[in-house]
Amino acid sequence: MSLTISKKVLLALSAPALFALGAATAMALAPSITFTPLLQTSKTVADEPIVYPTGAPAKITAGYIDVPPGVSTGWHQHGIPLVGMVMEGELTVDYGNKGKRTYKPGDTFVEAIHQTHQGTNTGTGPLRLLAIFIGAEGMPTSIPEKAPE
């Protein structure tokens, strides 16, 4: 029985050393892995605070939005946060009386949530936008709206 206790003590004392060895090994590999921040914000492009939906299970929807040259999305809003990144092409978003913003490849943004807007491919080639909607079950990713006056 004392052998079992000795093994437990040995294991308890060696665990931190093994953890440290594992951490050192991971740190040796870490320089080959990099993190490049694309965006860090607590507000949308319209200066709205980012607020996550509540009242239903969380649901994240990610995908590409492909828009041919000259085509617009139609006027709409998002009731949930949307992170967008232009992968290729040029996107110009019209916010009515709040102006327009143009995004090019690599540009990353948090879209306006409760502000009517429409996006248009203003480039000469296809537009591909990576869109990540941070919503909840039963909530639409976009809500069609009338053009602002």
Protein backbone atom coordinates (compact mmCIF):
# COMPACT_ATOMS: atom_id res chain seq x y z
CA MET A 1 0.00 0.00 0.00
CA SER A 2 2.86 2.41 0.71
CA LEU A 3 4.10 1.76 -2.85
CA THR A 4 0.75 2.97 -4.18
CA ILE A 5 0.97 6.10 -2.03
CA SER A 6 4.54 6.67 -3.24
CA LYS A 7 3.41 6.38 -6.83
CA LYS A 8 0.62 8.89 -6.20
CA VAL A 9 3.04 11.30 -4.56
CA LEU A 10 5.53 10.85 -7.40
CA LEU A 11 2.80 11.43 -9.97
CA ALA A 12 1.51 14.49 -8.10
CA LEU A 13 5.01 15.95 -7.94
CA SER A 14 5.88 15.15 -11.55
CA ALA A 15 2.64 16.46 -13.07
CA PRO A 16 3.72 20.12 -12.88
CA ALA A 17 7.07 19.22 -14.45
CA LEU A 18 5.34 17.34 -17.27
CA PHE A 19 2.95 20.27 -17.75
CA ALA A 20 5.91 22.67 -17.90
CA LEU A 21 7.63 20.40 -20.42
CA GLY A 22 4.46 20.37 -22.54
CA ALA A 23 4.14 24.15 -22.27
CA ALA A 24 7.78 24.58 -23.26
CA THR A 25 7.25 22.30 -26.25
CA ALA A 26 4.16 24.27 -27.29
CA MET A 27 6.06 27.54 -26.91
CA ALA A 28 8.83 26.15 -29.11
CA LEU A 29 6.23 25.54 -31.84
CA ALA A 30 4.34 28.80 -31.27
CA PRO A 31 6.70 31.05 -33.29
CA SER A 32 5.55 29.30 -36.47
CA ILE A 33 1.94 30.19 -35.67
CA THR A 34 0.81 33.78 -35.98
CA PHE A 35 -2.37 35.67 -35.28
CA THR A 36 -3.08 38.69 -37.46
CA PRO A 37 -5.97 40.75 -36.10
CA LEU A 38 -8.33 41.89 -38.84
CA LEU A 39 -10.69 43.85 -36.64
CA GLN A 40 -11.20 44.65 -32.99
CA THR A 41 -14.11 46.91 -32.12
CA SER A 42 -17.09 47.31 -29.83
CA LYS A 43 -19.06 49.43 -32.34
CA THR A 44 -20.53 49.05 -35.82
CA VAL A 45 -19.59 51.22 -38.80
CA ALA A 46 -22.56 53.41 -37.82
CA ASP A 47 -21.05 53.89 -34.33
CA GLU A 48 -23.73 51.68 -32.73
CA PRO A 49 -22.65 49.55 -29.74
CA ILE A 50 -22.51 45.86 -30.61
CA VAL A 51 -25.24 44.05 -28.67
CA TYR A 52 -25.76 40.32 -28.95
CA PRO A 53 -29.32 38.97 -29.22
CA THR A 54 -30.84 37.27 -26.20
CA GLY A 55 -33.92 35.20 -25.53
CA ALA A 56 -33.09 32.30 -27.87
CA PRO A 57 -30.19 29.88 -28.35
CA ALA A 58 -27.22 31.50 -30.08
CA LYS A 59 -26.79 30.84 -33.78
CA ILE A 60 -23.81 31.82 -35.93
CA THR A 61 -24.21 31.78 -39.70
CA ALA A 62 -21.12 32.16 -41.87
CA GLY A 63 -20.89 32.17 -45.63
CA TYR A 64 -20.00 34.00 -48.80
CA ILE A 65 -22.19 36.62 -50.43
CA ASP A 66 -21.40 36.77 -54.16
CA VAL A 67 -22.60 39.82 -56.09
CA PRO A 68 -22.09 40.45 -59.84
CA PRO A 69 -20.78 43.85 -60.98
CA GLY A 70 -23.36 46.64 -60.75
CA VAL A 71 -25.84 44.62 -58.68
CA SER A 72 -27.22 45.88 -55.34
CA THR A 73 -28.51 43.98 -52.33
CA GLY A 74 -31.65 46.07 -51.95
CA TRP A 75 -32.36 48.19 -48.90
CA HIS A 76 -32.29 46.26 -45.64
CA GLN A 77 -31.26 46.17 -41.97
CA HIS A 78 -29.70 43.55 -39.74
CA GLY A 79 -31.22 42.96 -36.33
CA ILE A 80 -28.06 41.11 -35.33
CA PRO A 81 -24.31 41.79 -35.54
CA LEU A 82 -22.65 41.02 -38.88
CA VAL A 83 -18.90 40.91 -39.43
CA GLY A 84 -17.95 41.24 -43.10
CA MET A 85 -14.67 40.88 -44.96
CA VAL A 86 -14.30 41.67 -48.65
CA MET A 87 -12.49 38.74 -50.23
CA GLU A 88 -12.50 40.14 -53.76
CA GLY A 89 -14.07 43.03 -55.65
CA GLU A 90 -15.38 46.32 -54.34
CA LEU A 91 -18.39 46.92 -52.10
CA THR A 92 -19.97 50.33 -51.62
CA VAL A 93 -22.58 50.55 -48.89
CA ASP A 94 -25.08 53.41 -49.01
CA TYR A 95 -26.41 54.48 -45.59
CA GLY A 96 -28.80 57.11 -47.00
CA ASN A 97 -28.30 60.50 -45.38
CA LYS A 98 -25.39 59.08 -43.33
CA GLY A 99 -23.27 58.71 -46.46
CA LYS A 100 -21.49 55.86 -48.24
CA ARG A 101 -18.51 53.67 -47.44
CA THR A 102 -16.43 51.68 -49.91
CA TYR A 103 -14.67 48.47 -48.95
CA LYS A 104 -11.91 46.71 -50.93
CA PRO A 105 -10.27 43.27 -50.59
CA GLY A 106 -9.05 42.65 -47.06
CA ASP A 107 -11.29 45.32 -45.51
CA THR A 108 -13.11 43.97 -42.45
CA PHE A 109 -16.03 45.69 -40.73
CA VAL A 110 -18.99 45.27 -38.40
CA GLU A 111 -22.03 46.32 -40.40
CA ALA A 112 -24.70 48.70 -39.11
CA ILE A 113 -27.38 46.79 -37.20
CA HIS A 114 -30.41 49.08 -36.97
CA GLN A 115 -29.67 51.40 -39.87
CA THR A 116 -31.21 50.91 -43.31
CA HIS A 117 -28.57 50.47 -45.99
CA GLN A 118 -27.83 48.74 -49.27
CA GLY A 119 -24.62 47.35 -50.69
CA THR A 120 -23.59 47.55 -54.34
CA ASN A 121 -20.77 45.88 -56.23
CA THR A 122 -19.11 49.01 -57.61
CA GLY A 123 -16.13 47.12 -59.00
CA THR A 124 -15.58 45.78 -62.49
CA GLY A 125 -15.46 42.12 -61.42
CA PRO A 126 -17.35 39.85 -59.04
CA LEU A 127 -17.68 40.80 -55.38
CA ARG A 128 -17.19 38.12 -52.74
CA LEU A 129 -17.95 39.05 -49.16
CA LEU A 130 -17.33 36.71 -46.23
CA ALA A 131 -20.28 37.33 -43.89
CA ILE A 132 -20.52 36.10 -40.31
CA PHE A 133 -23.89 36.75 -38.68
CA ILE A 134 -23.94 36.49 -34.88
CA GLY A 135 -27.58 35.85 -34.10
CA ALA A 136 -30.03 33.57 -32.39
CA GLU A 137 -32.41 30.82 -33.43
CA GLY A 138 -35.40 32.22 -35.31
CA MET A 139 -33.83 35.61 -36.08
CA PRO A 140 -33.36 36.60 -39.73
CA THR A 141 -29.92 37.66 -40.97
CA SER A 142 -31.41 40.52 -43.00
CA ILE A 143 -34.68 42.42 -42.90
CA PRO A 144 -35.92 44.07 -46.16
CA GLU A 145 -36.65 47.81 -45.78
CA LYS A 146 -37.87 50.72 -47.89
CA ALA A 147 -35.24 53.14 -49.18
CA PRO A 148 -34.59 55.93 -46.68
CA GLU A 149 -35.98 59.34 -47.58
